[in-house]
N, C-alpha and C. Protein backbone atom coordinates (compact mmCIF):
# COMPACT_ATOMS: atom_id res chain seq x y z
N UNK A 1 0.84 -1.12 -0.07
CA UNK A 1 -0.11 0.04 0.13
C UNK A 1 1.01 1.28 -0.18
N UNK A 2 0.82 2.20 -0.89
CA UNK A 2 1.49 3.28 -0.89
C UNK A 2 1.00 4.47 0.01
N UNK A 3 1.95 5.37 0.23
CA UNK A 3 1.69 6.55 1.10
C UNK A 3 2.60 7.67 0.60
N UNK A 4 2.29 8.79 0.89
CA UNK A 4 3.37 9.90 0.55
C UNK A 4 4.07 10.38 1.83
N UNK A 5 5.20 11.08 1.57
CA UNK A 5 5.91 11.34 2.72
C UNK A 5 5.90 12.76 3.05
N UNK A 6 6.03 13.20 4.39
CA UNK A 6 6.03 14.48 4.57
C UNK A 6 7.43 14.53 5.69
N UNK A 7 8.38 15.50 5.13
CA UNK A 7 9.66 15.45 6.03
C UNK A 7 9.44 16.80 6.87
N UNK A 8 9.63 16.31 8.19
CA UNK A 8 9.26 17.20 9.55
C UNK A 8 10.40 18.09 9.79
N UNK A 9 10.78 19.19 9.59
CA UNK A 9 12.15 20.08 10.13
C UNK A 9 11.70 20.20 11.77
N UNK A 10 12.86 20.50 12.65
CA UNK A 10 12.42 20.87 13.76
C UNK A 10 11.61 22.06 13.90
N UNK A 11 10.84 21.93 15.03
CA UNK A 11 9.80 22.72 15.26
C UNK A 11 9.23 22.97 16.66
N UNK A 12 8.26 23.74 17.19
CA UNK A 12 7.92 23.78 18.60
C UNK A 12 6.39 23.92 18.61
N UNK A 13 5.85 23.17 19.48
CA UNK A 13 4.40 23.39 19.99
C UNK A 13 4.32 23.89 21.52
N UNK A 14 3.54 25.03 21.32
CA UNK A 14 3.57 25.58 22.64
C UNK A 14 1.99 25.45 23.26
N UNK A 15 2.08 25.81 24.62
CA UNK A 15 0.69 25.91 25.65
C UNK A 15 0.41 27.19 25.30
N UNK A 16 -0.80 27.81 25.71
CA UNK A 16 -1.30 29.02 25.83
C UNK A 16 -0.57 29.84 26.74
N UNK A 17 -0.21 29.29 27.61
CA UNK A 17 0.49 29.86 28.81
C UNK A 17 1.87 30.29 28.23
N UNK A 18 2.65 29.66 27.70
CA UNK A 18 3.98 29.52 27.23
C UNK A 18 4.05 30.58 25.96
N UNK A 19 2.98 30.65 25.08
CA UNK A 19 2.81 31.37 24.11
C UNK A 19 2.67 32.71 24.55
N UNK A 20 1.79 32.98 25.54
CA UNK A 20 1.94 34.38 26.41
C UNK A 20 3.27 34.97 26.76
N UNK A 21 3.81 34.03 27.30
CA UNK A 21 5.32 34.52 27.80
C UNK A 21 6.13 34.77 26.93
N UNK A 22 6.20 34.00 25.63
CA UNK A 22 7.16 34.35 24.60
C UNK A 22 6.77 35.28 23.82
N UNK A 23 5.42 35.34 23.40
CA UNK A 23 5.15 36.45 22.35
C UNK A 23 4.01 37.30 22.80
N UNK A 24 3.35 37.13 23.85
CA UNK A 24 2.11 38.11 24.27
C UNK A 24 1.17 38.19 23.33
N UNK A 25 0.76 37.34 22.49
CA UNK A 25 -0.13 37.55 21.40
C UNK A 25 -0.55 35.99 20.87
N UNK A 26 -1.62 35.88 20.13
CA UNK A 26 -1.95 34.71 19.42
C UNK A 26 -1.13 34.31 18.32
N UNK A 27 -0.95 32.90 18.15
CA UNK A 27 -0.41 32.58 16.66
C UNK A 27 -1.00 33.17 15.58
N UNK A 28 -0.24 33.38 14.53
CA UNK A 28 -0.87 34.17 13.37
C UNK A 28 -0.47 33.10 12.26
N UNK A 29 -1.37 32.56 11.48
CA UNK A 29 -1.43 31.60 10.58
C UNK A 29 -0.56 32.06 9.35
N UNK A 30 0.73 31.22 9.08
CA UNK A 30 1.67 31.81 7.98
C UNK A 30 1.11 30.89 6.78
N UNK A 31 0.82 29.47 6.96
CA UNK A 31 0.27 28.70 5.99
C UNK A 31 -0.06 27.32 6.76
N UNK A 32 -1.32 26.89 6.25
CA UNK A 32 -2.04 25.73 6.75
C UNK A 32 -1.20 24.54 6.25
N UNK A 33 -1.28 23.36 6.97
CA UNK A 33 -0.29 22.26 6.87
C UNK A 33 -1.62 21.10 6.67
N UNK A 34 -0.90 20.04 5.84
CA UNK A 34 -1.93 18.98 5.33
C UNK A 34 -2.87 18.54 6.42
N UNK A 35 -2.47 18.25 7.72
CA UNK A 35 -3.14 17.61 8.78
C UNK A 35 -4.04 18.72 8.95
N UNK A 36 -5.51 18.38 9.13
CA UNK A 36 -6.51 19.35 9.30
C UNK A 36 -6.42 20.10 10.56
N UNK A 37 -6.64 21.28 10.58
CA UNK A 37 -6.47 22.01 11.62
C UNK A 37 -5.21 22.62 12.25
N UNK A 38 -4.11 22.22 11.50
CA UNK A 38 -2.83 22.36 11.99
C UNK A 38 -2.21 23.25 10.92
N UNK A 39 -1.27 24.40 11.29
CA UNK A 39 -0.71 25.34 10.60
C UNK A 39 0.40 25.67 10.92
N UNK A 40 1.70 26.23 10.16
CA UNK A 40 2.79 26.71 10.73
C UNK A 40 2.47 28.23 11.14
N UNK A 41 3.02 28.75 11.89
CA UNK A 41 2.74 30.08 12.38
C UNK A 41 3.99 31.10 11.83
N UNK A 42 3.52 32.39 11.59
CA UNK A 42 4.58 33.38 11.69
C UNK A 42 5.77 33.48 12.76
N UNK A 43 5.32 33.00 13.79
CA UNK A 43 6.34 33.00 15.07
C UNK A 43 7.28 31.83 14.95
N UNK A 44 8.66 32.61 15.29
CA UNK A 44 9.79 31.56 15.43
C UNK A 44 10.48 32.03 16.93
N UNK A 45 11.13 30.92 17.27
CA UNK A 45 11.67 31.11 18.52
C UNK A 45 13.31 30.69 18.40
N UNK A 46 14.16 30.95 19.50
CA UNK A 46 15.49 30.44 19.70
C UNK A 46 15.39 29.48 20.63
N UNK A 47 16.02 28.29 20.23
CA UNK A 47 15.87 27.21 21.31
C UNK A 47 17.45 26.98 21.80
N UNK A 48 17.78 26.82 23.04
CA UNK A 48 19.09 26.93 23.55
C UNK A 48 18.92 25.67 24.65
N UNK A 49 20.36 25.09 24.30
CA UNK A 49 20.80 23.72 24.96
C UNK A 49 22.02 23.95 25.80
N UNK A 50 22.69 23.03 26.51
CA UNK A 50 23.74 23.24 27.16
C UNK A 50 24.94 23.67 26.20
N UNK A 51 25.00 23.27 24.98
CA UNK A 51 26.33 23.63 24.12
C UNK A 51 26.11 24.43 22.93
N UNK A 52 24.89 24.84 22.79
CA UNK A 52 24.61 25.46 21.53
C UNK A 52 22.96 25.78 21.45
N UNK A 53 22.72 26.44 20.28
CA UNK A 53 21.36 26.98 20.05
C UNK A 53 20.71 26.62 18.59
N UNK A 54 19.31 26.79 18.23
CA UNK A 54 18.78 26.70 16.89
C UNK A 54 18.07 27.82 16.84
N UNK A 55 18.30 28.62 16.05
CA UNK A 55 17.52 29.93 15.67
C UNK A 55 16.35 29.62 14.98
N UNK A 56 15.41 30.55 14.64
CA UNK A 56 14.19 30.66 13.89
C UNK A 56 13.34 29.16 13.78
N UNK A 57 13.24 28.57 14.86
CA UNK A 57 12.35 27.30 14.99
C UNK A 57 11.08 27.83 14.80
N UNK A 58 10.11 27.18 13.83
CA UNK A 58 8.93 27.63 13.46
C UNK A 58 8.03 27.13 14.75
N UNK A 59 7.11 27.94 15.02
CA UNK A 59 5.95 27.47 16.02
C UNK A 59 4.76 26.97 15.18
N UNK A 60 4.31 25.78 15.70
CA UNK A 60 3.26 25.16 15.01
C UNK A 60 1.86 25.40 15.73
N UNK A 61 0.84 25.42 15.17
CA UNK A 61 -0.41 25.84 15.95
C UNK A 61 -1.44 24.54 15.34
N UNK A 62 -2.58 24.71 16.09
CA UNK A 62 -2.86 25.41 17.33
C UNK A 62 -2.06 25.40 18.67
N UNK A 63 -2.49 25.89 19.47
CA UNK A 63 -1.74 25.77 20.89
C UNK A 63 -2.00 24.61 21.26
N UNK A 64 -1.19 23.86 22.20
CA UNK A 64 -1.39 22.56 22.67
C UNK A 64 -1.47 22.64 24.23
N UNK A 65 -1.80 21.24 24.59
CA UNK A 65 -1.77 21.07 26.29
C UNK A 65 -0.32 20.83 26.83
N UNK A 66 0.67 20.81 25.98
CA UNK A 66 1.98 20.80 26.33
C UNK A 66 2.83 21.56 25.33
N UNK A 67 4.04 21.86 26.06
CA UNK A 67 5.07 22.77 25.21
C UNK A 67 5.94 21.63 25.00
N UNK A 68 6.49 21.52 23.67
CA UNK A 68 7.65 20.44 23.02
C UNK A 68 8.21 21.05 22.10
N UNK A 69 9.66 20.56 21.85
CA UNK A 69 10.26 20.89 20.85
C UNK A 69 10.83 19.63 20.16
N UNK A 70 10.44 19.72 18.83
CA UNK A 70 10.92 18.29 18.27
C UNK A 70 12.04 18.68 17.41
N UNK A 71 13.15 17.71 17.60
CA UNK A 71 14.34 18.02 16.86
C UNK A 71 15.03 16.80 16.30
N UNK A 72 15.78 16.77 15.63
CA UNK A 72 16.48 15.45 14.74
C UNK A 72 17.71 15.33 15.64
N UNK A 73 18.17 13.92 15.54
CA UNK A 73 19.60 13.74 16.23
C UNK A 73 20.70 14.49 15.94
N UNK A 74 20.70 14.99 14.90
CA UNK A 74 21.71 16.07 14.41
C UNK A 74 21.37 17.33 15.10
N UNK A 75 20.25 17.75 15.28
CA UNK A 75 20.07 19.04 16.12
C UNK A 75 20.74 18.84 17.46
N UNK A 76 20.37 17.42 18.06
CA UNK A 76 20.81 17.28 19.49
C UNK A 76 22.32 17.34 19.64
N UNK A 77 23.05 16.92 18.66
CA UNK A 77 24.54 17.09 18.76
C UNK A 77 24.66 18.70 19.00
N UNK A 78 24.11 19.59 18.20
CA UNK A 78 24.27 21.03 18.16
C UNK A 78 24.08 21.64 19.76
N UNK A 79 22.82 21.07 20.11
CA UNK A 79 22.36 21.48 21.20
C UNK A 79 23.13 20.96 22.57
N UNK A 80 23.68 19.84 22.35
CA UNK A 80 24.38 19.24 23.46
C UNK A 80 23.22 18.47 24.36
N UNK A 81 22.18 17.90 23.89
CA UNK A 81 21.47 17.11 24.60
C UNK A 81 21.21 15.64 23.98
N UNK A 82 20.58 14.81 24.60
CA UNK A 82 20.35 13.59 24.05
C UNK A 82 18.87 13.13 24.39
N UNK A 83 18.13 13.89 23.55
CA UNK A 83 16.64 13.63 23.31
C UNK A 83 16.04 12.44 23.34
N UNK A 84 15.00 11.81 24.08
CA UNK A 84 14.54 10.92 23.71
C UNK A 84 13.76 10.74 22.32
N UNK A 85 13.33 9.38 22.03
CA UNK A 85 12.54 9.36 20.64
C UNK A 85 11.19 8.94 21.50
N UNK A 86 10.19 10.05 21.10
CA UNK A 86 8.82 9.79 21.74
C UNK A 86 7.97 10.11 20.82
N UNK A 87 6.57 9.72 21.01
CA UNK A 87 5.39 10.13 20.46
C UNK A 87 5.12 11.62 20.81
N UNK A 88 4.68 12.38 19.92
CA UNK A 88 4.02 13.76 20.34
C UNK A 88 3.19 13.96 21.55
N UNK A 89 3.65 14.61 22.43
CA UNK A 89 2.96 14.73 23.74
C UNK A 89 3.70 14.01 25.09
N UNK A 90 4.20 12.73 24.53
CA UNK A 90 5.17 12.04 25.83
C UNK A 90 6.39 12.57 25.98
N UNK A 91 6.65 13.31 27.08
CA UNK A 91 7.57 14.11 27.31
C UNK A 91 8.27 13.32 28.63
N UNK A 92 7.88 12.20 28.82
CA UNK A 92 8.93 11.52 30.04
C UNK A 92 10.27 11.41 29.42
N UNK A 93 11.40 12.07 30.13
CA UNK A 93 12.48 12.12 30.19
C UNK A 93 13.07 13.07 28.81
N UNK A 94 12.22 13.99 28.63
CA UNK A 94 12.56 14.89 27.40
C UNK A 94 13.78 16.01 28.10
N UNK A 95 14.51 16.44 27.20
CA UNK A 95 15.72 16.95 27.36
C UNK A 95 15.23 18.24 28.00
N UNK A 96 16.00 19.04 28.62
CA UNK A 96 15.71 20.43 28.98
C UNK A 96 16.11 21.45 27.96
N UNK A 97 15.42 22.40 27.71
CA UNK A 97 15.77 23.39 26.93
C UNK A 97 15.13 24.78 27.36
N UNK A 98 15.95 25.90 26.64
CA UNK A 98 15.41 27.13 26.88
C UNK A 98 14.91 27.65 25.64
N UNK A 99 13.59 28.24 25.64
CA UNK A 99 12.92 28.58 24.32
C UNK A 99 12.89 30.11 24.61
N UNK A 100 13.36 31.03 23.48
CA UNK A 100 13.47 32.20 23.79
C UNK A 100 12.59 33.07 22.71
N UNK A 101 11.69 33.98 23.00
CA UNK A 101 10.83 34.56 22.17
C UNK A 101 11.05 35.93 22.46
N UNK A 102 10.44 36.90 21.70
CA UNK A 102 10.69 38.43 21.67
C UNK A 102 10.22 38.87 22.96
N UNK A 103 9.58 38.48 23.63
CA UNK A 103 8.85 39.00 24.85
C UNK A 103 9.31 38.22 26.21
N UNK A 104 9.87 36.89 25.92
CA UNK A 104 10.29 36.49 27.26
C UNK A 104 10.92 34.98 26.93
N UNK A 105 11.09 34.15 27.89
CA UNK A 105 11.61 32.70 27.53
C UNK A 105 11.06 32.19 28.75
N UNK A 106 11.12 30.64 28.52
CA UNK A 106 10.81 29.74 29.41
C UNK A 106 11.88 28.51 29.28
N UNK A 107 11.86 27.79 30.42
CA UNK A 107 13.03 26.55 30.42
C UNK A 107 12.13 25.34 30.99
N UNK A 108 12.22 24.33 30.16
CA UNK A 108 11.55 23.08 30.60
C UNK A 108 12.08 21.82 29.89
N UNK A 109 11.62 20.68 30.48
CA UNK A 109 11.77 19.49 29.86
C UNK A 109 10.84 19.31 28.67
N UNK A 110 11.33 19.68 27.49
CA UNK A 110 10.46 19.54 26.19
C UNK A 110 11.05 19.04 24.97
N UNK A 111 12.22 18.62 25.08
CA UNK A 111 13.17 18.30 23.79
C UNK A 111 12.85 16.87 23.38
N UNK A 112 12.24 16.51 22.37
CA UNK A 112 12.10 14.97 21.88
C UNK A 112 12.45 14.88 20.47
N UNK A 113 12.80 13.61 20.09
CA UNK A 113 13.19 13.20 18.67
C UNK A 113 11.54 12.69 18.46
N UNK A 114 10.87 12.95 17.55
CA UNK A 114 9.59 12.63 17.26
C UNK A 114 9.67 11.08 16.50
N UNK A 115 8.81 10.32 16.99
CA UNK A 115 8.82 8.77 16.42
C UNK A 115 8.38 9.01 15.01
N UNK A 116 8.85 8.08 14.14
CA UNK A 116 8.46 8.05 12.60
C UNK A 116 6.94 7.77 12.77
N UNK A 117 5.99 8.30 11.94
CA UNK A 117 4.76 8.01 12.29
C UNK A 117 3.78 8.27 11.01
N UNK A 118 2.65 7.54 11.09
CA UNK A 118 1.74 7.69 9.93
C UNK A 118 0.38 8.32 10.50
N UNK A 119 0.20 9.38 9.78
CA UNK A 119 -1.30 9.92 10.24
C UNK A 119 -2.42 9.19 9.76
N UNK A 120 -3.36 9.01 10.37
CA UNK A 120 -4.57 8.18 9.61
C UNK A 120 -5.75 8.43 10.97
N UNK A 121 -6.89 8.24 10.35
CA UNK A 121 -7.96 7.90 11.24
C UNK A 121 -8.35 6.69 11.55
N UNK A 122 -9.35 6.23 12.47
CA UNK A 122 -9.74 4.88 12.85
C UNK A 122 -10.43 4.33 11.63
N UNK A 123 -11.29 4.92 10.98
CA UNK A 123 -11.75 4.68 9.67
C UNK A 123 -10.90 4.20 8.74
N UNK A 124 -9.70 4.92 8.31
CA UNK A 124 -8.51 4.74 7.37
C UNK A 124 -7.93 3.43 7.97
N UNK A 125 -7.62 3.37 8.93
CA UNK A 125 -6.86 2.13 9.85
C UNK A 125 -7.70 0.78 9.48
N UNK A 126 -9.00 0.88 9.57
CA UNK A 126 -9.90 -0.50 9.41
C UNK A 126 -9.74 -0.50 7.60
N UNK A 127 -9.92 0.52 6.89
CA UNK A 127 -10.24 0.37 5.39
C UNK A 127 -8.65 -0.32 4.93
N UNK A 128 -7.71 0.12 5.56
CA UNK A 128 -6.46 -0.22 4.95
C UNK A 128 -6.01 -1.78 5.61
N UNK A 129 -6.84 -2.17 6.22
CA UNK A 129 -6.47 -3.49 6.92
C UNK A 129 -5.40 -3.38 8.03
N UNK A 130 -5.17 -2.30 8.78
CA UNK A 130 -4.36 -2.19 9.77
C UNK A 130 -4.71 -2.04 11.19
N UNK A 131 -6.09 -2.35 11.34
CA UNK A 131 -6.80 -2.24 12.50
C UNK A 131 -6.18 -2.92 13.77
N UNK A 132 -5.37 -3.80 13.67
CA UNK A 132 -4.67 -4.61 14.84
C UNK A 132 -3.11 -4.37 14.94
N UNK A 133 -2.74 -3.25 14.06
CA UNK A 133 -1.35 -3.02 14.32
C UNK A 133 -1.04 -1.56 15.05
N UNK A 134 -0.06 -1.58 15.78
CA UNK A 134 0.54 -0.22 16.33
C UNK A 134 1.59 0.38 15.52
N UNK A 135 2.30 -0.38 14.55
CA UNK A 135 3.33 0.10 13.96
C UNK A 135 3.68 -0.71 12.65
N UNK A 136 4.01 -0.26 11.61
CA UNK A 136 4.31 -0.88 10.55
C UNK A 136 5.77 -0.53 9.97
N UNK A 137 6.31 -1.34 8.93
CA UNK A 137 7.57 -0.97 8.24
C UNK A 137 7.21 -0.47 6.94
N UNK A 138 8.28 0.33 6.51
CA UNK A 138 7.96 1.02 5.23
C UNK A 138 8.98 0.68 4.26
N UNK A 139 8.71 0.22 2.95
CA UNK A 139 9.76 0.12 1.82
C UNK A 139 10.06 1.37 1.22
N UNK A 140 11.37 1.88 1.13
CA UNK A 140 11.53 3.10 0.51
C UNK A 140 12.34 2.93 -0.66
N UNK A 141 11.89 3.14 -1.92
CA UNK A 141 12.81 2.82 -3.19
C UNK A 141 13.70 3.83 -3.49
N UNK A 142 14.51 3.63 -4.54
CA UNK A 142 15.59 4.56 -5.27
C UNK A 142 16.99 4.32 -4.72
N UNK A 143 18.02 5.23 -4.90
CA UNK A 143 19.44 4.61 -4.84
C UNK A 143 19.98 4.57 -3.63
N UNK A 144 19.20 5.02 -2.52
CA UNK A 144 19.53 4.93 -1.23
C UNK A 144 18.27 4.19 -0.41
N UNK A 145 17.53 3.15 -1.14
CA UNK A 145 16.30 2.92 -0.52
C UNK A 145 16.77 1.92 0.40
N UNK A 146 15.54 1.46 1.00
CA UNK A 146 15.80 0.50 2.18
C UNK A 146 14.47 0.47 2.92
N UNK A 147 14.48 -0.34 4.22
CA UNK A 147 13.44 -0.48 4.92
C UNK A 147 13.43 0.30 6.31
N UNK A 148 12.23 1.02 6.61
CA UNK A 148 12.33 1.94 7.89
C UNK A 148 11.45 1.01 8.81
N UNK A 149 11.77 0.71 9.84
CA UNK A 149 11.01 -0.23 10.87
C UNK A 149 10.56 0.84 12.00
N UNK A 150 9.80 0.22 12.54
CA UNK A 150 8.96 1.04 13.69
C UNK A 150 8.36 2.45 13.38
N UNK A 151 7.60 2.36 12.40
CA UNK A 151 6.66 3.59 11.90
C UNK A 151 5.38 3.31 12.61
N UNK A 152 5.21 4.26 13.85
CA UNK A 152 3.94 4.20 14.64
C UNK A 152 2.73 4.69 13.80
N UNK A 153 1.68 4.08 14.05
CA UNK A 153 0.29 4.52 13.23
C UNK A 153 -0.32 5.47 14.59
N UNK A 154 -0.39 6.82 13.93
CA UNK A 154 -0.92 7.62 14.79
C UNK A 154 -2.28 8.10 14.39
N UNK A 155 -3.25 7.58 15.37
CA UNK A 155 -4.71 7.66 14.94
C UNK A 155 -5.20 9.09 15.73
N UNK A 156 -6.10 9.77 14.63
CA UNK A 156 -6.79 10.91 15.07
C UNK A 156 -8.20 11.25 14.73
N UNK A 157 -8.93 11.87 15.16
CA UNK A 157 -10.45 11.87 14.47
C UNK A 157 -10.06 12.58 13.10
N UNK A 158 -9.36 13.48 12.95
CA UNK A 158 -9.08 13.90 11.41
C UNK A 158 -7.72 13.56 11.05
N UNK A 159 -7.44 13.39 9.92
CA UNK A 159 -6.03 13.26 9.49
C UNK A 159 -5.94 13.04 8.14
N UNK A 160 -4.82 13.41 7.61
CA UNK A 160 -4.39 13.37 6.11
C UNK A 160 -3.49 12.27 6.20
N UNK A 161 -3.85 11.03 5.49
CA UNK A 161 -2.85 10.03 5.34
C UNK A 161 -1.52 10.19 4.74
N UNK A 162 -0.68 10.11 5.56
CA UNK A 162 0.61 10.43 5.33
C UNK A 162 1.80 10.14 6.47
N UNK A 163 2.95 9.55 5.85
CA UNK A 163 3.85 9.25 6.79
C UNK A 163 4.93 10.63 7.00
N UNK A 164 5.34 10.93 8.55
CA UNK A 164 6.20 11.99 8.79
C UNK A 164 7.30 11.42 9.25
N UNK A 165 8.28 11.81 8.87
CA UNK A 165 9.64 11.62 9.13
C UNK A 165 10.73 12.99 9.61
N UNK A 166 11.62 12.73 10.40
CA UNK A 166 12.32 14.07 10.76
C UNK A 166 13.35 14.03 9.30
N UNK A 167 14.02 15.16 9.39
CA UNK A 167 15.20 15.59 8.36
C UNK A 167 16.16 14.40 8.49
N UNK A 168 16.74 14.09 9.32
CA UNK A 168 17.54 12.90 9.51
C UNK A 168 17.22 11.71 8.64
N UNK A 169 15.91 11.04 9.07
CA UNK A 169 15.63 9.87 8.26
C UNK A 169 15.42 10.02 6.59
N UNK A 170 14.57 11.45 6.35
CA UNK A 170 14.48 11.90 5.10
C UNK A 170 15.72 11.99 4.38
N UNK A 171 16.80 12.58 4.93
CA UNK A 171 18.22 12.65 4.11
C UNK A 171 18.71 11.51 4.00
N UNK A 172 18.76 10.46 4.92
CA UNK A 172 19.25 9.26 4.86
C UNK A 172 18.89 8.39 3.64
N UNK A 173 17.61 8.57 3.40
CA UNK A 173 17.00 7.74 2.21
C UNK A 173 16.87 8.65 0.86
N UNK A 174 17.41 9.82 0.92
CA UNK A 174 17.19 11.02 -0.06
C UNK A 174 15.64 11.26 -0.43
N UNK A 175 14.96 11.17 0.65
CA UNK A 175 13.45 11.64 0.58
C UNK A 175 13.19 12.88 0.55
N UNK A 176 12.10 13.28 -0.13
CA UNK A 176 11.58 14.91 -0.10
C UNK A 176 10.14 14.75 0.08
N UNK A 177 9.65 15.73 0.23
CA UNK A 177 7.97 15.93 0.57
C UNK A 177 7.09 15.30 -0.68
N UNK A 178 6.32 14.46 -0.29
CA UNK A 178 5.34 14.16 -1.41
C UNK A 178 5.97 12.88 -1.98
N UNK A 179 7.36 12.11 -1.80
CA UNK A 179 7.73 11.16 -2.43
C UNK A 179 6.75 9.97 -1.98
N UNK A 180 6.52 8.97 -2.89
CA UNK A 180 5.85 7.93 -2.62
C UNK A 180 6.57 6.54 -2.02
N UNK A 181 6.21 6.18 -0.88
CA UNK A 181 6.79 4.81 -0.37
C UNK A 181 5.88 3.74 -0.10
N UNK A 182 6.33 2.64 0.26
CA UNK A 182 5.17 1.27 0.31
C UNK A 182 5.27 0.89 2.00
N UNK A 183 4.05 0.86 2.38
CA UNK A 183 3.68 0.36 3.64
C UNK A 183 3.85 -1.28 3.60
N UNK A 184 4.53 -1.99 4.49
CA UNK A 184 4.83 -3.25 4.61
C UNK A 184 3.94 -3.76 6.02
N UNK A 185 3.01 -4.53 5.84
CA UNK A 185 2.15 -5.12 7.08
C UNK A 185 2.89 -6.06 7.90
C-alpha cells in the first residue's frame, strides 16, 4: 500500500501560557499544513541547549496542552542534548531546553525526537487493514532505498494519510516531501 512522505523539520508546539510568555499574542497563521486544523505560524523562537542553540524554529499551531520542541539527532549534537524518541505529547525523560521569544523565555523538559509515524483516522486504519497494528515497516525505493522499521500508526479524529519523518531519516534515504513509499504490514 502506497503512502506519501512529509519531512518534518525541527519545530515547536506551545501551550497558551508559554505562548503568552514568549510572544504576548496569539499565533498568526503563515500557512496551513496537510493535517486538518494544523498550521505553521509566523512566530519563530530560538532554542538553547547546554552546548548551542537553534535559531528561527517555527511554532506550529494551534496551541497544545503541552510545550514540546521536536528536533533531529543532528540537532541534538548541536544543542548538546540526548533527547529521547517519543510520540508527540509524551515528554517523559525529555531534554531540558530554553525557548526564547521576543517577549520572554521559558525553560523546561520539552526536547524530543519524534517517532516516525503515519497519520490516519480509525476509519482509514480499518479500510487499509491495519486495525490490529500499532506500527508498520515502510519500503523506500531509490538509490539509497531500504526499509524503515518502527513506523507508528498515529490515529486521530481527523487526519491526512501521510508518513512523517524527521530530516535525518528523510536525508538518509534521499526522500523529499510528497515522495511515495510502500507500507509493509
